C-alpha atoms as a PDB file:
ATOM      1  CA  MET A   1     141.041 -39.356  62.011  1.00  0.00           C
ATOM      2  CA  SER A   2     139.917 -36.798  59.920  1.00  0.00           C
ATOM      3  CA  ALA A   3     139.953 -32.880  60.433  1.00  0.00           C
ATOM      4  CA  GLU A   4     136.986 -30.827  60.919  1.00  0.00           C
ATOM      5  CA  VAL A   5     135.701 -28.024  59.040  1.00  0.00           C
ATOM      6  CA  HIS A   6     132.825 -25.761  59.396  1.00  0.00           C
ATOM      7  CA  ILE A   7     131.084 -23.473  56.846  1.00  0.00           C
ATOM      8  CA  GLU A   8     128.329 -20.649  56.922  1.00  0.00           C
ATOM      9  CA  VAL A   9     126.923 -19.379  54.023  1.00  0.00           C
ATOM     10  CA  ALA A  10     125.492 -16.178  53.777  1.00  0.00           C
ATOM     11  CA  ARG A  11     124.089 -14.591  50.722  1.00  0.00           C
ATOM     12  CA  ASP A  12     124.366 -10.908  50.277  1.00  0.00           C
ATOM     13  CA  GLY A  13     121.920 -10.535  47.592  1.00  0.00           C
ATOM     14  CA  ALA A  14     122.390 -12.219  44.123  1.00  0.00           C
ATOM     15  CA  GLU A  15     125.637 -10.571  43.991  1.00  0.00           C
ATOM     16  CA  SER A  16     127.512 -11.492  46.843  1.00  0.00           C
ATOM     17  CA  VAL A  17     128.311 -14.858  49.084  1.00  0.00           C
ATOM     18  CA  MET A  18     130.380 -14.932  51.999  1.00  0.00           C
ATOM     19  CA  LEU A  19     131.796 -17.764  54.008  1.00  0.00           C
ATOM     20  CA  SER A  20     132.556 -17.918  57.068  1.00  0.00           C
ATOM     21  CA  VAL A  21     135.149 -21.386  57.966  1.00  0.00           C
ATOM     22  CA  THR A  22     136.129 -22.504  61.393  1.00  0.00           C
ATOM     23  CA  GLY A  23     138.689 -25.156  61.943  1.00  0.00           C
ATOM     24  CA  GLU A  24     141.088 -27.071  59.708  1.00  0.00           C
ATOM     25  CA  ILE A  25     141.235 -27.629  56.061  1.00  0.00           C
ATOM     26  CA  ASP A  26     143.493 -30.481  54.910  1.00  0.00           C
ATOM     27  CA  LEU A  27     143.454 -33.259  52.251  1.00  0.00           C
ATOM     28  CA  SER A  28     141.151 -35.177  54.505  1.00  0.00           C
ATOM     29  CA  ASN A  29     138.242 -32.649  54.212  1.00  0.00           C
ATOM     30  CA  VAL A  30     139.428 -30.057  51.081  1.00  0.00           C
ATOM     31  CA  GLY A  31     136.913 -31.718  48.699  1.00  0.00           C
ATOM     32  CA  HIS A  32     133.657 -29.877  51.215  1.00  0.00           C
ATOM     33  CA  PHE A  33     135.546 -26.665  51.051  1.00  0.00           C
ATOM     34  CA  ARG A  34     135.946 -27.016  47.095  1.00  0.00           C
ATOM     35  CA  ALA A  35     132.241 -27.569  47.016  1.00  0.00           C
ATOM     36  CA  ALA A  36     131.089 -24.339  49.112  1.00  0.00           C
ATOM     37  CA  LEU A  37     133.935 -22.171  47.495  1.00  0.00           C
ATOM     38  CA  ASP A  38     131.993 -23.277  44.042  1.00  0.00           C
ATOM     39  CA  LEU A  39     129.021 -21.421  44.841  1.00  0.00           C
ATOM     40  CA  ASP A  40     127.620 -19.169  41.895  1.00  0.00           C
ATOM     41  CA  ALA A  41     128.552 -15.649  43.295  1.00  0.00           C
ATOM     42  CA  ALA A  42     129.877 -12.650  41.624  1.00  0.00           C
ATOM     43  CA  THR A  43     132.241 -12.068  44.636  1.00  0.00           C
ATOM     44  CA  LEU A  44     132.797 -14.902  46.913  1.00  0.00           C
ATOM     45  CA  VAL A  45     134.121 -13.649  50.358  1.00  0.00           C
ATOM     46  CA  VAL A  46     135.421 -16.123  52.485  1.00  0.00           C
ATOM     47  CA  ASP A  47     136.151 -15.453  56.153  1.00  0.00           C
ATOM     48  CA  LEU A  48     139.166 -17.606  57.744  1.00  0.00           C
ATOM     49  CA  GLY A  49     139.098 -16.119  60.877  1.00  0.00           C
ATOM     50  CA  GLY A  50     138.362 -18.917  62.545  1.00  0.00           C
ATOM     51  CA  VAL A  51     140.872 -21.557  60.653  1.00  0.00           C
ATOM     52  CA  THR A  52     143.303 -22.777  63.202  1.00  0.00           C
ATOM     53  CA  TYR A  53     145.016 -24.648  60.137  1.00  0.00           C
ATOM     54  CA  ILE A  54     145.154 -24.834  56.159  1.00  0.00           C
ATOM     55  CA  ASP A  55     147.258 -27.305  54.457  1.00  0.00           C
ATOM     56  CA  SER A  56     148.657 -26.835  50.837  1.00  0.00           C
ATOM     57  CA  ALA A  57     145.490 -28.558  49.409  1.00  0.00           C
ATOM     58  CA  GLY A  58     143.242 -25.802  50.773  1.00  0.00           C
ATOM     59  CA  MET A  59     145.390 -22.923  49.602  1.00  0.00           C
ATOM     60  CA  ALA A  60     145.238 -24.644  46.144  1.00  0.00           C
ATOM     61  CA  ALA A  61     141.319 -24.394  46.629  1.00  0.00           C
ATOM     62  CA  LEU A  62     141.290 -20.625  47.024  1.00  0.00           C
ATOM     63  CA  PHE A  63     143.913 -20.587  43.843  1.00  0.00           C
ATOM     64  CA  ASP A  64     141.215 -21.708  41.828  1.00  0.00           C
ATOM     65  CA  ARG A  65     138.496 -19.995  43.178  1.00  0.00           C
ATOM     66  CA  ALA A  66     140.215 -17.099  42.128  1.00  0.00           C
ATOM     67  CA  ARG A  67     140.772 -18.201  38.567  1.00  0.00           C
ATOM     68  CA  ARG A  68     137.027 -18.480  38.633  1.00  0.00           C
ATOM     69  CA  GLY A  69     136.043 -15.192  39.566  1.00  0.00           C
ATOM     70  CA  ARG A  70     136.681 -12.030  42.350  1.00  0.00           C
ATOM     71  CA  LEU A  71     137.424 -13.478  45.413  1.00  0.00           C
ATOM     72  CA  GLU A  72     138.121 -11.606  48.933  1.00  0.00           C
ATOM     73  CA  VAL A  73     139.587 -13.436  51.372  1.00  0.00           C
ATOM     74  CA  ARG A  74     139.244 -12.256  55.265  1.00  0.00           C
ATOM     75  CA  CYS A  75     141.486 -13.634  58.113  1.00  0.00           C
ATOM     76  CA  GLN A  76     143.486 -12.141  61.517  1.00  0.00           C
ATOM     77  CA  ALA A  77     146.756 -10.363  60.816  1.00  0.00           C
ATOM     78  CA  SER A  78     148.073 -12.846  63.772  1.00  0.00           C
ATOM     79  CA  SER A  79     146.303 -16.039  62.278  1.00  0.00           C
ATOM     80  CA  VAL A  80     148.311 -18.818  60.656  1.00  0.00           C
ATOM     81  CA  VAL A  81     146.751 -18.401  57.583  1.00  0.00           C
ATOM     82  CA  SER A  82     147.925 -14.528  57.071  1.00  0.00           C
ATOM     83  CA  PRO A  83     151.583 -15.631  56.371  1.00  0.00           C
ATOM     84  CA  LEU A  84     150.569 -18.500  54.148  1.00  0.00           C
ATOM     85  CA  ILE A  85     148.670 -15.878  51.891  1.00  0.00           C
ATOM     86  CA  ASP A  86     152.225 -13.780  51.893  1.00  0.00           C
ATOM     87  CA  ILE A  87     154.215 -16.917  50.968  1.00  0.00           C
ATOM     88  CA  THR A  88     151.878 -18.273  48.054  1.00  0.00           C
ATOM     89  CA  ARG A  89     150.879 -15.030  46.485  1.00  0.00           C
ATOM     90  CA  LEU A  90     147.272 -15.235  47.017  1.00  0.00           C
ATOM     91  CA  CYS A  91     147.522 -11.574  47.174  1.00  0.00           C
ATOM     92  CA  ASP A  92     148.056 -11.508  43.868  1.00  0.00           C
ATOM     93  CA  VAL A  93     145.049 -13.085  42.821  1.00  0.00           C
ATOM     94  CA  ALA A  94     142.731 -11.994  45.662  1.00  0.00           C
ATOM     95  CA  VAL A  95     141.547  -9.310  47.408  1.00  0.00           C
ATOM     96  CA  ILE A  96     143.111  -9.830  50.932  1.00  0.00           C
ATOM     97  CA  ARG A  97     141.414  -8.404  54.238  1.00  0.00           C
ATOM     98  CA  ARG A  98     143.518  -8.492  57.639  1.00  0.00           C
ATOM     99  CA  ASP A  99     141.743  -7.386  60.647  1.00  0.00           C
END
């Protein structure tokens, strides 16, 4: 059984797109996550506040997006995502906002 990920897209004009992600991101659904990260925007804001699990495939997708344009990642400081951002050094290639 594959994990479920839900992604909501909100545009803030032509320059910024916000993705609100909930659920689990893993190898079984990373294609859906990558497709959302491919949206054309000068700034892509990815809110991972509702993510309960993310594996290396999900983190790699974030790094790939950061190489292609401005990426801002939002998460809770106490979330499962927060320590992975530090361990993988995503903070070196993306803007990180922790609430």
